[in-house]
Amino acid sequence: MLAAVVFCFFACIMPFKTLTLFIIACPFDVTDVVDTEVYFNLIYFCRVMVYINSAINPILYNVMSSKFRDGFKRVFLRCCGRAPSAAHGSLYLTNGALANTNTAAFDSTATTNKTFLDRVNSR
């Protein structure tokens, strides 16, 4: 997954960085080398590639990471006002009190969460 994200980052950012380096390192005016219309088309292309880089990251993470998909579902459900399912094993608010959806009876984390919940709910 990391390789795909890094490859897409470099493929999308490289045109902008190359054009910027060309403009800085070129000792003469850029419009002397290329036509003004071509120059502005290159700038627009580089700008669109930078935007595509930002837009493609969530898509890549969604396709390649089940943890990202689960986390996104949880956040989306919370934003929509629904509680996450018990399979996620998370903490959420019910009637102003924290509740634990973790069903692992012998898990030390569940015991810690229960103790934490008891302290929070007793306030």
PDB file of N, CA and C in Angstrom:
ATOM      1  N   MET A   1       0.820  -1.182   0.000  1.00  0.00           N
ATOM      2  CA  MET A   1       0.000   0.000   0.000  1.00  0.00           C
ATOM      3  C   MET A   1       0.871   1.255   0.000  1.00  0.00           C
ATOM      4  N   LEU A   2       1.907   1.239   0.811  1.00  0.00           N
ATOM      5  CA  LEU A   2       2.778   2.400   0.896  1.00  0.00           C
ATOM      6  C   LEU A   2       3.430   2.704  -0.449  1.00  0.00           C
ATOM      7  N   ALA A   3       3.820   1.662  -1.166  1.00  0.00           N
ATOM      8  CA  ALA A   3       4.460   1.861  -2.466  1.00  0.00           C
ATOM      9  C   ALA A   3       3.505   2.528  -3.450  1.00  0.00           C
ATOM     10  N   ALA A   4       2.246   2.124  -3.443  1.00  0.00           N
ATOM     11  CA  ALA A   4       1.255   2.721  -4.350  1.00  0.00           C
ATOM     12  C   ALA A   4       1.011   4.186  -4.013  1.00  0.00           C
ATOM     13  N   VAL A   5       0.922   4.494  -2.724  1.00  0.00           N
ATOM     14  CA  VAL A   5       0.699   5.880  -2.302  1.00  0.00           C
ATOM     15  C   VAL A   5       1.896   6.746  -2.672  1.00  0.00           C
ATOM     16  N   VAL A   6       3.094   6.247  -2.430  1.00  0.00           N
ATOM     17  CA  VAL A   6       4.308   7.009  -2.756  1.00  0.00           C
ATOM     18  C   VAL A   6       4.442   7.183  -4.259  1.00  0.00           C
ATOM     19  N   PHE A   7       4.141   6.142  -5.034  1.00  0.00           N
ATOM     20  CA  PHE A   7       4.220   6.248  -6.490  1.00  0.00           C
ATOM     21  C   PHE A   7       3.243   7.296  -7.014  1.00  0.00           C
ATOM     22  N   CYS A   8       2.008   7.260  -6.534  1.00  0.00           N
ATOM     23  CA  CYS A   8       1.008   8.241  -6.974  1.00  0.00           C
ATOM     24  C   CYS A   8       1.404   9.653  -6.561  1.00  0.00           C
ATOM     25  N   PHE A   9       1.976   9.786  -5.365  1.00  0.00           N
ATOM     26  CA  PHE A   9       2.439  11.098  -4.918  1.00  0.00           C
ATOM     27  C   PHE A   9       3.494  11.651  -5.870  1.00  0.00           C
ATOM     28  N   PHE A  10       4.503  10.846  -6.180  1.00  0.00           N
ATOM     29  CA  PHE A  10       5.561  11.323  -7.068  1.00  0.00           C
ATOM     30  C   PHE A  10       5.057  11.555  -8.487  1.00  0.00           C
ATOM     31  N   ALA A  11       4.169  10.697  -8.973  1.00  0.00           N
ATOM     32  CA  ALA A  11       3.640  10.872 -10.328  1.00  0.00           C
ATOM     33  C   ALA A  11       2.803  12.142 -10.438  1.00  0.00           C
ATOM     34  N   CYS A  12       2.114  12.509  -9.377  1.00  0.00           N
ATOM     35  CA  CYS A  12       1.268  13.700  -9.422  1.00  0.00           C
ATOM     36  C   CYS A  12       2.038  14.984  -9.117  1.00  0.00           C
ATOM     37  N   ILE A  13       3.038  14.922  -8.283  1.00  0.00           N
ATOM     38  CA  ILE A  13       3.779  16.123  -7.879  1.00  0.00           C
ATOM     39  C   ILE A  13       4.951  16.428  -8.816  1.00  0.00           C
ATOM     40  N   MET A  14       5.472  15.392  -9.479  1.00  0.00           N
ATOM     41  CA  MET A  14       6.666  15.578 -10.311  1.00  0.00           C
ATOM     42  C   MET A  14       6.491  16.632 -11.418  1.00  0.00           C
ATOM     43  N   PRO A  15       5.376  16.709 -12.144  1.00  0.00           N
ATOM     44  CA  PRO A  15       5.271  17.766 -13.171  1.00  0.00           C
ATOM     45  C   PRO A  15       5.387  19.170 -12.591  1.00  0.00           C
ATOM     46  N   PHE A  16       4.760  19.403 -11.451  1.00  0.00           N
ATOM     47  CA  PHE A  16       4.833  20.724 -10.828  1.00  0.00           C
ATOM     48  C   PHE A  16       6.264  21.037 -10.392  1.00  0.00           C
ATOM     49  N   LYS A  17       6.915  20.078  -9.755  1.00  0.00           N
ATOM     50  CA  LYS A  17       8.283  20.309  -9.283  1.00  0.00           C
ATOM     51  C   LYS A  17       9.253  20.507 -10.454  1.00  0.00           C
ATOM     52  N   THR A  18       9.041  19.755 -11.529  1.00  0.00           N
ATOM     53  CA  THR A  18       9.905  19.894 -12.702  1.00  0.00           C
ATOM     54  C   THR A  18       9.733  21.270 -13.346  1.00  0.00           C
ATOM     55  N   LEU A  19       8.486  21.709 -13.492  1.00  0.00           N
ATOM     56  CA  LEU A  19       8.234  23.031 -14.071  1.00  0.00           C
ATOM     57  C   LEU A  19       8.800  24.131 -13.176  1.00  0.00           C
ATOM     58  N   THR A  20       8.636  23.993 -11.880  1.00  0.00           N
ATOM     59  CA  THR A  20       9.181  24.982 -10.951  1.00  0.00           C
ATOM     60  C   THR A  20      10.706  25.043 -11.031  1.00  0.00           C
ATOM     61  N   LEU A  21      11.341  23.878 -11.076  1.00  0.00           N
ATOM     62  CA  LEU A  21      12.802  23.832 -11.199  1.00  0.00           C
ATOM     63  C   LEU A  21      13.255  24.447 -12.522  1.00  0.00           C
ATOM     64  N   PHE A  22      12.518  24.175 -13.601  1.00  0.00           N
ATOM     65  CA  PHE A  22      12.854  24.744 -14.909  1.00  0.00           C
ATOM     66  C   PHE A  22      12.750  26.269 -14.871  1.00  0.00           C
ATOM     67  N   ILE A  23      11.698  26.790 -14.243  1.00  0.00           N
ATOM     68  CA  ILE A  23      11.507  28.247 -14.179  1.00  0.00           C
ATOM     69  C   ILE A  23      12.610  28.891 -13.344  1.00  0.00           C
ATOM     70  N   ILE A  24      12.994  28.247 -12.242  1.00  0.00           N
ATOM     71  CA  ILE A  24      14.032  28.823 -11.368  1.00  0.00           C
ATOM     72  C   ILE A  24      15.419  28.716 -11.993  1.00  0.00           C
ATOM     73  N   ALA A  25      15.740  27.557 -12.572  1.00  0.00           N
ATOM     74  CA  ALA A  25      17.095  27.320 -13.086  1.00  0.00           C
ATOM     75  C   ALA A  25      17.326  27.915 -14.474  1.00  0.00           C
ATOM     76  N   CYS A  26      16.279  28.217 -15.176  1.00  0.00           N
ATOM     77  CA  CYS A  26      16.410  28.734 -16.545  1.00  0.00           C
ATOM     78  C   CYS A  26      16.921  30.181 -16.487  1.00  0.00           C
ATOM     79  N   PRO A  27      18.045  30.469 -17.138  1.00  0.00           N
ATOM     80  CA  PRO A  27      18.609  31.816 -17.047  1.00  0.00           C
ATOM     81  C   PRO A  27      17.845  32.862 -17.873  1.00  0.00           C
ATOM     82  N   PHE A  28      16.962  32.434 -18.731  1.00  0.00           N
ATOM     83  CA  PHE A  28      16.222  33.372 -19.570  1.00  0.00           C
ATOM     84  C   PHE A  28      14.725  33.236 -19.307  1.00  0.00           C
ATOM     85  N   ASP A  29      13.957  34.105 -19.873  1.00  0.00           N
ATOM     86  CA  ASP A  29      12.514  34.102 -19.661  1.00  0.00           C
ATOM     87  C   ASP A  29      11.892  32.838 -20.256  1.00  0.00           C
ATOM     88  N   VAL A  30      10.988  32.239 -19.531  1.00  0.00           N
ATOM     89  CA  VAL A  30      10.363  30.983 -19.956  1.00  0.00           C
ATOM     90  C   VAL A  30       9.561  31.177 -21.230  1.00  0.00           C
ATOM     91  N   THR A  31       8.938  32.329 -21.360  1.00  0.00           N
ATOM     92  CA  THR A  31       8.117  32.571 -22.557  1.00  0.00           C
ATOM     93  C   THR A  31       8.966  32.699 -23.818  1.00  0.00           C
ATOM     94  N   ASP A  32      10.287  32.867 -23.673  1.00  0.00           N
ATOM     95  CA  ASP A  32      11.167  32.848 -24.846  1.00  0.00           C
ATOM     96  C   ASP A  32      11.324  31.428 -25.376  1.00  0.00           C
ATOM     97  N   VAL A  33      11.255  30.440 -24.490  1.00  0.00           N
ATOM     98  CA  VAL A  33      11.454  29.046 -24.869  1.00  0.00           C
ATOM     99  C   VAL A  33      10.162  28.442 -25.416  1.00  0.00           C
ATOM    100  N   VAL A  34       9.053  28.672 -24.726  1.00  0.00           N
ATOM    101  CA  VAL A  34       7.764  28.112 -25.147  1.00  0.00           C
ATOM    102  C   VAL A  34       6.763  29.232 -25.370  1.00  0.00           C
ATOM    103  N   ASP A  35       5.756  28.934 -26.155  1.00  0.00           N
ATOM    104  CA  ASP A  35       4.695  29.886 -26.426  1.00  0.00           C
ATOM    105  C   ASP A  35       3.926  30.167 -25.125  1.00  0.00           C
ATOM    106  N   THR A  36       3.370  31.338 -25.011  1.00  0.00           N
ATOM    107  CA  THR A  36       2.644  31.714 -23.798  1.00  0.00           C
ATOM    108  C   THR A  36       1.469  30.783 -23.530  1.00  0.00           C
ATOM    109  N   GLU A  37       0.750  30.393 -24.559  1.00  0.00           N
ATOM    110  CA  GLU A  37      -0.392  29.489 -24.380  1.00  0.00           C
ATOM    111  C   GLU A  37       0.064  28.125 -23.872  1.00  0.00           C
ATOM    112  N   VAL A  38       1.161  27.614 -24.419  1.00  0.00           N
ATOM    113  CA  VAL A  38       1.708  26.336 -23.960  1.00  0.00           C
ATOM    114  C   VAL A  38       2.165  26.456 -22.513  1.00  0.00           C
ATOM    115  N   TYR A  39       2.771  27.564 -22.168  1.00  0.00           N
ATOM    116  CA  TYR A  39       3.240  27.796 -20.794  1.00  0.00           C
ATOM    117  C   TYR A  39       2.072  27.760 -19.810  1.00  0.00           C
ATOM    118  N   PHE A  40       0.999  28.463 -20.136  1.00  0.00           N
ATOM    119  CA  PHE A  40      -0.157  28.466 -19.237  1.00  0.00           C
ATOM    120  C   PHE A  40      -0.847  27.105 -19.197  1.00  0.00           C
ATOM    121  N   ASN A  41      -0.857  26.389 -20.298  1.00  0.00           N
ATOM    122  CA  ASN A  41      -1.406  25.028 -20.286  1.00  0.00           C
ATOM    123  C   ASN A  41      -0.583  24.109 -19.387  1.00  0.00           C
ATOM    124  N   LEU A  42       0.740  24.264 -19.406  1.00  0.00           N
ATOM    125  CA  LEU A  42       1.599  23.486 -18.505  1.00  0.00           C
ATOM    126  C   LEU A  42       1.315  23.820 -17.041  1.00  0.00           C
ATOM    127  N   ILE A  43       1.140  25.095 -16.756  1.00  0.00           N
ATOM    128  CA  ILE A  43       0.833  25.493 -15.375  1.00  0.00           C
ATOM    129  C   ILE A  43      -0.503  24.910 -14.938  1.00  0.00           C
ATOM    130  N   TYR A  44      -1.511  24.968 -15.809  1.00  0.00           N
ATOM    131  CA  TYR A  44      -2.823  24.412 -15.459  1.00  0.00           C
ATOM    132  C   TYR A  44      -2.754  22.906 -15.272  1.00  0.00           C
ATOM    133  N   PHE A  45      -1.992  22.224 -16.129  1.00  0.00           N
ATOM    134  CA  PHE A  45      -1.822  20.781 -16.003  1.00  0.00           C
ATOM    135  C   PHE A  45      -1.157  20.429 -14.666  1.00  0.00           C
ATOM    136  N   CYS A  46      -0.116  21.159 -14.311  1.00  0.00           N
ATOM    137  CA  CYS A  46       0.580  20.900 -13.041  1.00  0.00           C
ATOM    138  C   CYS A  46      -0.337  21.149 -11.858  1.00  0.00           C
ATOM    139  N   ARG A  47      -1.139  22.186 -11.934  1.00  0.00           N
ATOM    140  CA  ARG A  47      -2.067  22.500 -10.852  1.00  0.00           C
ATOM    141  C   ARG A  47      -3.120  21.398 -10.702  1.00  0.00           C
ATOM    142  N   VAL A  48      -3.639  20.907 -11.812  1.00  0.00           N
ATOM    143  CA  VAL A  48      -4.629  19.825 -11.772  1.00  0.00           C
ATOM    144  C   VAL A  48      -4.012  18.551 -11.201  1.00  0.00           C
ATOM    145  N   MET A  49      -2.763  18.268 -11.544  1.00  0.00           N
ATOM    146  CA  MET A  49      -2.101  17.077 -11.009  1.00  0.00           C
ATOM    147  C   MET A  49      -1.921  17.171  -9.494  1.00  0.00           C
ATOM    148  N   VAL A  50      -1.644  18.355  -8.982  1.00  0.00           N
ATOM    149  CA  VAL A  50      -1.529  18.529  -7.528  1.00  0.00           C
ATOM    150  C   VAL A  50      -2.883  18.280  -6.877  1.00  0.00           C
ATOM    151  N   TYR A  51      -3.966  18.771  -7.487  1.00  0.00           N
ATOM    152  CA  TYR A  51      -5.304  18.529  -6.940  1.00  0.00           C
ATOM    153  C   TYR A  51      -5.665  17.048  -7.003  1.00  0.00           C
ATOM    154  N   ILE A  52      -5.281  16.385  -8.089  1.00  0.00           N
ATOM    155  CA  ILE A  52      -5.553  14.947  -8.219  1.00  0.00           C
ATOM    156  C   ILE A  52      -4.824  14.170  -7.127  1.00  0.00           C
ATOM    157  N   ASN A  53      -3.607  14.600  -6.794  1.00  0.00           N
ATOM    158  CA  ASN A  53      -2.869  13.946  -5.715  1.00  0.00           C
ATOM    159  C   ASN A  53      -3.661  13.986  -4.418  1.00  0.00           C
ATOM    160  N   SER A  54      -4.241  15.128  -4.111  1.00  0.00           N
ATOM    161  CA  SER A  54      -5.024  15.240  -2.881  1.00  0.00           C
ATOM    162  C   SER A  54      -6.309  14.427  -2.953  1.00  0.00           C
ATOM    163  N   ALA A  55      -6.896  14.336  -4.126  1.00  0.00           N
ATOM    164  CA  ALA A  55      -8.167  13.628  -4.266  1.00  0.00           C
ATOM    165  C   ALA A  55      -7.997  12.117  -4.319  1.00  0.00           C
ATOM    166  N   ILE A  56      -6.854  11.643  -4.776  1.00  0.00           N
ATOM    167  CA  ILE A  56      -6.678  10.200  -4.960  1.00  0.00           C
ATOM    168  C   ILE A  56      -6.262   9.488  -3.674  1.00  0.00           C
ATOM    169  N   ASN A  57      -5.720  10.205  -2.697  1.00  0.00           N
ATOM    170  CA  ASN A  57      -5.277   9.562  -1.460  1.00  0.00           C
ATOM    171  C   ASN A  57      -6.395   8.812  -0.734  1.00  0.00           C
ATOM    172  N   PRO A  58      -7.560   9.416  -0.473  1.00  0.00           N
ATOM    173  CA  PRO A  58      -8.610   8.641   0.202  1.00  0.00           C
ATOM    174  C   PRO A  58      -9.080   7.443  -0.610  1.00  0.00           C
ATOM    175  N   ILE A  59      -9.059   7.563  -1.919  1.00  0.00           N
ATOM    176  CA  ILE A  59      -9.460   6.443  -2.773  1.00  0.00           C
ATOM    177  C   ILE A  59      -8.465   5.298  -2.643  1.00  0.00           C
ATOM    178  N   LEU A  60      -7.178   5.619  -2.678  1.00  0.00           N
ATOM    179  CA  LEU A  60      -6.148   4.584  -2.519  1.00  0.00           C
ATOM    180  C   LEU A  60      -6.239   3.908  -1.155  1.00  0.00           C
ATOM    181  N   TYR A  61      -6.386   4.703  -0.108  1.00  0.00           N
ATOM    182  CA  TYR A  61      -6.494   4.123   1.229  1.00  0.00           C
ATOM    183  C   TYR A  61      -7.726   3.242   1.353  1.00  0.00           C
ATOM    184  N   ASN A  62      -8.839   3.668   0.751  1.00  0.00           N
ATOM    185  CA  ASN A  62     -10.060   2.881   0.818  1.00  0.00           C
ATOM    186  C   ASN A  62      -9.904   1.548   0.093  1.00  0.00           C
ATOM    187  N   VAL A  63      -9.268   1.557  -1.048  1.00  0.00           N
ATOM    188  CA  VAL A  63      -9.088   0.336  -1.832  1.00  0.00           C
ATOM    189  C   VAL A  63      -8.125  -0.629  -1.152  1.00  0.00           C
ATOM    190  N   MET A  64      -7.089  -0.092  -0.521  1.00  0.00           N
ATOM    191  CA  MET A  64      -6.008  -0.948  -0.047  1.00  0.00           C
ATOM    192  C   MET A  64      -6.017  -1.259   1.447  1.00  0.00           C
ATOM    193  N   SER A  65      -6.811  -0.581   2.252  1.00  0.00           N
ATOM    194  CA  SER A  65      -6.733  -0.784   3.695  1.00  0.00           C
ATOM    195  C   SER A  65      -8.110  -1.044   4.301  1.00  0.00           C
ATOM    196  N   SER A  66      -8.261  -2.217   4.877  1.00  0.00           N
ATOM    197  CA  SER A  66      -9.528  -2.543   5.541  1.00  0.00           C
ATOM    198  C   SER A  66      -9.677  -1.740   6.837  1.00  0.00           C
ATOM    199  N   LYS A  67      -8.571  -1.414   7.498  1.00  0.00           N
ATOM    200  CA  LYS A  67      -8.642  -0.598   8.712  1.00  0.00           C
ATOM    201  C   LYS A  67      -9.160   0.801   8.381  1.00  0.00           C
ATOM    202  N   PHE A  68      -8.730   1.356   7.253  1.00  0.00           N
ATOM    203  CA  PHE A  68      -9.214   2.671   6.847  1.00  0.00           C
ATOM    204  C   PHE A  68     -10.708   2.613   6.536  1.00  0.00           C
ATOM    205  N   ARG A  69     -11.146   1.558   5.836  1.00  0.00           N
ATOM    206  CA  ARG A  69     -12.575   1.405   5.519  1.00  0.00           C
ATOM    207  C   ARG A  69     -13.409   1.319   6.785  1.00  0.00           C
ATOM    208  N   ASP A  70     -12.953   0.510   7.758  1.00  0.00           N
ATOM    209  CA  ASP A  70     -13.695   0.369   9.014  1.00  0.00           C
ATOM    210  C   ASP A  70     -13.744   1.695   9.779  1.00  0.00           C
ATOM    211  N   GLY A  71     -12.625   2.388   9.830  1.00  0.00           N
ATOM    212  CA  GLY A  71     -12.584   3.674  10.518  1.00  0.00           C
ATOM    213  C   GLY A  71     -13.461   4.710   9.833  1.00  0.00           C
ATOM    214  N   PHE A  72     -13.450   4.713   8.507  1.00  0.00           N
ATOM    215  CA  PHE A  72     -14.282   5.652   7.767  1.00  0.00           C
ATOM    216  C   PHE A  72     -15.760   5.364   7.996  1.00  0.00           C
ATOM    217  N   LYS A  73     -16.129   4.083   8.015  1.00  0.00           N
ATOM    218  CA  LYS A  73     -17.529   3.715   8.286  1.00  0.00           C
ATOM    219  C   LYS A  73     -17.948   4.192   9.670  1.00  0.00           C
ATOM    220  N   ARG A  74     -17.064   3.987  10.660  1.00  0.00           N
ATOM    221  CA  ARG A  74     -17.370   4.412  12.022  1.00  0.00           C
ATOM    222  C   ARG A  74     -17.586   5.921  12.105  1.00  0.00           C
ATOM    223  N   VAL A  75     -16.679   6.685  11.496  1.00  0.00           N
ATOM    224  CA  VAL A  75     -16.801   8.144  11.530  1.00  0.00           C
ATOM    225  C   VAL A  75     -18.044   8.588  10.768  1.00  0.00           C
ATOM    226  N   PHE A  76     -18.293   7.976   9.617  1.00  0.00           N
ATOM    227  CA  PHE A  76     -19.467   8.346   8.823  1.00  0.00           C
ATOM    228  C   PHE A  76     -20.758   8.045   9.575  1.00  0.00           C
ATOM    229  N   LEU A  77     -20.805   6.894  10.235  1.00  0.00           N
ATOM    230  CA  LEU A  77     -22.007   6.555  10.999  1.00  0.00           C
ATOM    231  C   LEU A  77     -22.209   7.506  12.178  1.00  0.00           C
ATOM    232  N   ARG A  78     -21.117   7.910  12.809  1.00  0.00           N
ATOM    233  CA  ARG A  78     -21.238   8.862  13.919  1.00  0.00           C
ATOM    234  C   ARG A  78     -21.720  10.216  13.417  1.00  0.00           C
ATOM    235  N   CYS A  79     -21.245  10.624  12.252  1.00  0.00           N
ATOM    236  CA  CYS A  79     -21.680  11.907  11.690  1.00  0.00           C
ATOM    237  C   CYS A  79     -23.154  11.865  11.300  1.00  0.00           C
ATOM    238  N   CYS A  80     -23.635  10.694  10.904  1.00  0.00           N
ATOM    239  CA  CYS A  80     -25.041  10.543  10.520  1.00  0.00           C
ATOM    240  C   CYS A  80     -25.949  10.341  11.726  1.00  0.00           C
ATOM    241  N   GLY A  81     -25.376  10.216  12.917  1.00  0.00           N
ATOM    242  CA  GLY A  81     -26.167  10.081  14.125  1.00  0.00           C
ATOM    243  C   GLY A  81     -26.456   8.650  14.529  1.00  0.00           C
ATOM    244  N   ARG A  82     -25.870   7.680  13.850  1.00  0.00           N
ATOM    245  CA  ARG A  82     -26.066   6.277  14.216  1.00  0.00           C
ATOM    246  C   ARG A  82     -24.873   5.797  15.024  1.00  0.00           C
ATOM    247  N   ALA A  83     -25.132   4.871  15.935  1.00  0.00           N
ATOM    248  CA  ALA A  83     -24.055   4.291  16.735  1.00  0.00           C
ATOM    249  C   ALA A  83     -23.366   3.200  15.930  1.00  0.00           C
ATOM    250  N   PRO A  84     -22.061   3.033  16.082  1.00  0.00           N
ATOM    251  CA  PRO A  84     -21.367   1.951  15.382  1.00  0.00           C
ATOM    252  C   PRO A  84     -21.808   0.599  15.920  1.00  0.00           C
ATOM    253  N   SER A  85     -21.622  -0.422  15.099  1.00  0.00           N
ATOM    254  CA  SER A  85     -22.037  -1.761  15.517  1.00  0.00           C
ATOM    255  C   SER A  85     -21.115  -2.301  16.595  1.00  0.00           C
ATOM    256  N   ALA A  86     -21.558  -3.363  17.279  1.00  0.00           N
ATOM    257  CA  ALA A  86     -20.793  -3.949  18.376  1.00  0.00           C
ATOM    258  C   ALA A  86     -19.521  -4.621  17.891  1.00  0.00           C
ATOM    259  N   ALA A  87     -19.430  -4.927  16.617  1.00  0.00           N
ATOM    260  CA  ALA A  87     -18.253  -5.611  16.083  1.00  0.00           C
ATOM    261  C   ALA A  87     -17.010  -4.731  16.134  1.00  0.00           C
ATOM    262  N   HIS A  88     -17.193  -3.415  16.213  1.00  0.00           N
ATOM    263  CA  HIS A  88     -16.039  -2.523  16.203  1.00  0.00           C
ATOM    264  C   HIS A  88     -15.340  -2.454  17.545  1.00  0.00           C
ATOM    265  N   GLY A  89     -16.019  -2.779  18.640  1.00  0.00           N
ATOM    266  CA  GLY A  89     -15.387  -2.747  19.951  1.00  0.00           C
ATOM    267  C   GLY A  89     -14.949  -1.366  20.356  1.00  0.00           C
ATOM    268  N   SER A  90     -15.819  -0.376  20.208  1.00  0.00           N
ATOM    269  CA  SER A  90     -15.439   0.996  20.493  1.00  0.00           C
ATOM    270  C   SER A  90     -16.305   1.568  21.596  1.00  0.00           C
ATOM    271  N   LEU A  91     -15.935   2.762  22.029  1.00  0.00           N
ATOM    272  CA  LEU A  91     -16.701   3.477  23.040  1.00  0.00           C
ATOM    273  C   LEU A  91     -17.582   4.488  22.333  1.00  0.00           C
ATOM    274  N   TYR A  92     -18.826   4.626  22.780  1.00  0.00           N
ATOM    275  CA  TYR A  92     -19.695   5.654  22.226  1.00  0.00           C
ATOM    276  C   TYR A  92     -20.648   6.130  23.303  1.00  0.00           C
ATOM    277  N   LEU A  93     -21.301   7.254  23.056  1.00  0.00           N
ATOM    278  CA  LEU A  93     -22.200   7.856  24.036  1.00  0.00           C
ATOM    279  C   LEU A  93     -23.611   7.306  23.899  1.00  0.00           C
ATOM    280  N   THR A  94     -24.214   6.914  25.021  1.00  0.00           N
ATOM    281  CA  THR A  94     -25.622   6.534  25.048  1.00  0.00           C
ATOM    282  C   THR A  94     -26.263   7.235  26.220  1.00  0.00           C
ATOM    283  N   ASN A  95     -27.252   8.039  25.962  1.00  0.00           N
ATOM    284  CA  ASN A  95     -27.972   8.778  27.001  1.00  0.00           C
ATOM    285  C   ASN A  95     -27.025   9.566  27.899  1.00  0.00           C
ATOM    286  N   GLY A  96     -26.000  10.165  27.319  1.00  0.00           N
ATOM    287  CA  GLY A  96     -25.072  10.986  28.072  1.00  0.00           C
ATOM    288  C   GLY A  96     -24.013  10.213  28.828  1.00  0.00           C
ATOM    289  N   ALA A  97     -23.991   8.874  28.743  1.00  0.00           N
ATOM    290  CA  ALA A  97     -22.992   8.065  29.447  1.00  0.00           C
ATOM    291  C   ALA A  97     -22.210   7.258  28.427  1.00  0.00           C
ATOM    292  N   LEU A  98     -20.942   7.021  28.715  1.00  0.00           N
ATOM    293  CA  LEU A  98     -20.128   6.207  27.823  1.00  0.00           C
ATOM    294  C   LEU A  98     -20.522   4.748  27.938  1.00  0.00           C
ATOM    295  N   ALA A  99     -20.557   4.053  26.814  1.00  0.00           N
ATOM    296  CA  ALA A  99     -20.857   2.629  26.812  1.00  0.00           C
ATOM    297  C   ALA A  99     -19.787   1.911  26.016  1.00  0.00           C
ATOM    298  N   ASN A 100     -19.507   0.674  26.382  1.00  0.00           N
ATOM    299  CA  ASN A 100     -18.492  -0.123  25.720  1.00  0.00           C
ATOM    300  C   ASN A 100     -19.179  -1.165  24.859  1.00  0.00           C
ATOM    301  N   THR A 101     -18.791  -1.217  23.573  1.00  0.00           N
ATOM    302  CA  THR A 101     -19.384  -2.215  22.694  1.00  0.00           C
ATOM    303  C   THR A 101     -18.495  -3.436  22.555  1.00  0.00           C
ATOM    304  N   ASN A 102     -17.393  -3.492  23.285  1.00  0.00           N
ATOM    305  CA  ASN A 102     -16.482  -4.619  23.209  1.00  0.00           C
ATOM    306  C   ASN A 102     -17.082  -5.802  23.967  1.00  0.00           C
ATOM    307  N   THR A 103     -17.218  -6.946  23.284  1.00  0.00           N
ATOM    308  CA  THR A 103     -17.863  -8.098  23.899  1.00  0.00           C
ATOM    309  C   THR A 103     -16.873  -9.121  24.418  1.00  0.00           C
ATOM    310  N   ALA A 104     -15.588  -8.822  24.365  1.00  0.00           N
ATOM    311  CA  ALA A 104     -14.582  -9.769  24.843  1.00  0.00           C
ATOM    312  C   ALA A 104     -14.608  -9.808  26.369  1.00  0.00           C
ATOM    313  N   ALA A 105     -15.018 -10.947  26.923  1.00  0.00           N
ATOM    314  CA  ALA A 105     -15.214 -11.054  28.369  1.00  0.00           C
ATOM    315  C   ALA A 105     -13.895 -11.158  29.124  1.00  0.00           C
ATOM    316  N   PHE A 106     -12.904 -11.808  28.542  1.00  0.00           N
ATOM    317  CA  PHE A 106     -11.665 -12.052  29.266  1.00  0.00           C
ATOM    318  C   PHE A 106     -10.524 -11.179  28.783  1.00  0.00           C
ATOM    319  N   ASP A 107     -10.826 -10.180  28.040  1.00  0.00           N
ATOM    320  CA  ASP A 107      -9.813  -9.280  27.518  1.00  0.00           C
ATOM    321  C   ASP A 107      -9.445  -8.264  28.600  1.00  0.00           C
ATOM    322  N   SER A 108      -8.157  -8.054  28.825  1.00  0.00           N
ATOM    323  CA  SER A 108      -7.741  -7.096  29.845  1.00  0.00           C
ATOM    324  C   SER A 108      -8.142  -5.682  29.453  1.00  0.00           C
ATOM    325  N   THR A 109      -8.211  -5.406  28.160  1.00  0.00           N
ATOM    326  CA  THR A 109      -8.636  -4.088  27.715  1.00  0.00           C
ATOM    327  C   THR A 109     -10.086  -3.847  28.080  1.00  0.00           C
ATOM    328  N   ALA A 110     -10.916  -4.879  27.966  1.00  0.00           N
ATOM    329  CA  ALA A 110     -12.326  -4.735  28.328  1.00  0.00           C
ATOM    330  C   ALA A 110     -12.464  -4.422  29.805  1.00  0.00           C
ATOM    331  N   THR A 111     -11.619  -5.043  30.641  1.00  0.00           N
ATOM    332  CA  THR A 111     -11.653  -4.767  32.076  1.00  0.00           C
ATOM    333  C   THR A 111     -11.230  -3.333  32.342  1.00  0.00           C
ATOM    334  N   THR A 112     -10.180  -2.893  31.679  1.00  0.00           N
ATOM    335  CA  THR A 112      -9.719  -1.518  31.835  1.00  0.00           C
ATOM    336  C   THR A 112     -10.790  -0.544  31.384  1.00  0.00           C
ATOM    337  N   ASN A 113     -11.417  -0.829  30.231  1.00  0.00           N
ATOM    338  CA  ASN A 113     -12.473   0.039  29.727  1.00  0.00           C
ATOM    339  C   ASN A 113     -13.656   0.074  30.686  1.00  0.00           C
ATOM    340  N   LYS A 114     -13.994  -1.073  31.291  1.00  0.00           N
ATOM    341  CA  LYS A 114     -15.115  -1.121  32.225  1.00  0.00           C
ATOM    342  C   LYS A 114     -14.804  -0.268  33.450  1.00  0.00           C
ATOM    343  N   THR A 115     -13.579  -0.351  33.961  1.00  0.00           N
ATOM    344  CA  THR A 115     -13.197   0.454  35.106  1.00  0.00           C
ATOM    345  C   THR A 115     -13.248   1.937  34.744  1.00  0.00           C
ATOM    346  N   PHE A 116     -12.758   2.272  33.588  1.00  0.00           N
ATOM    347  CA  PHE A 116     -12.783   3.652  33.115  1.00  0.00           C
ATOM    348  C   PHE A 116     -14.218   4.134  32.971  1.00  0.00           C
ATOM    349  N   LEU A 117     -15.058   3.300  32.395  1.00  0.00           N
ATOM    350  CA  LEU A 117     -16.467   3.661  32.218  1.00  0.00           C
ATOM    351  C   LEU A 117     -17.172   3.862  33.551  1.00  0.00           C
ATOM    352  N   ASP A 118     -16.852   3.018  34.536  1.00  0.00           N
ATOM    353  CA  ASP A 118     -17.464   3.158  35.854  1.00  0.00           C
ATOM    354  C   ASP A 118     -17.085   4.511  36.482  1.00  0.00           C
ATOM    355  N   ARG A 119     -15.811   4.898  36.326  1.00  0.00           N
ATOM    356  CA  ARG A 119     -15.371   6.172  36.877  1.00  0.00           C
ATOM    357  C   ARG A 119     -16.034   7.353  36.172  1.00  0.00           C
ATOM    358  N   VAL A 120     -16.134   7.278  34.848  1.00  0.00           N
ATOM    359  CA  VAL A 120     -16.725   8.375  34.080  1.00  0.00           C
ATOM    360  C   VAL A 120     -18.219   8.491  34.349  1.00  0.00           C
ATOM    361  N   ASN A 121     -18.918   7.371  34.386  1.00  0.00           N
ATOM    362  CA  ASN A 121     -20.368   7.390  34.561  1.00  0.00           C
ATOM    363  C   ASN A 121     -20.780   7.727  35.986  1.00  0.00           C
ATOM    364  N   SER A 122     -19.871   7.581  36.956  1.00  0.00           N
ATOM    365  CA  SER A 122     -20.231   7.889  38.343  1.00  0.00           C
ATOM    366  C   SER A 122     -20.172   9.385  38.621  1.00  0.00           C
ATOM    367  N   ARG A 123     -19.612  10.151  37.723  1.00  0.00           N
ATOM    368  CA  ARG A 123     -19.484  11.609  37.921  1.00  0.00           C
ATOM    369  C   ARG A 123     -20.793  12.297  37.803  1.00  0.00           C
TER     370      ARG A 123
END
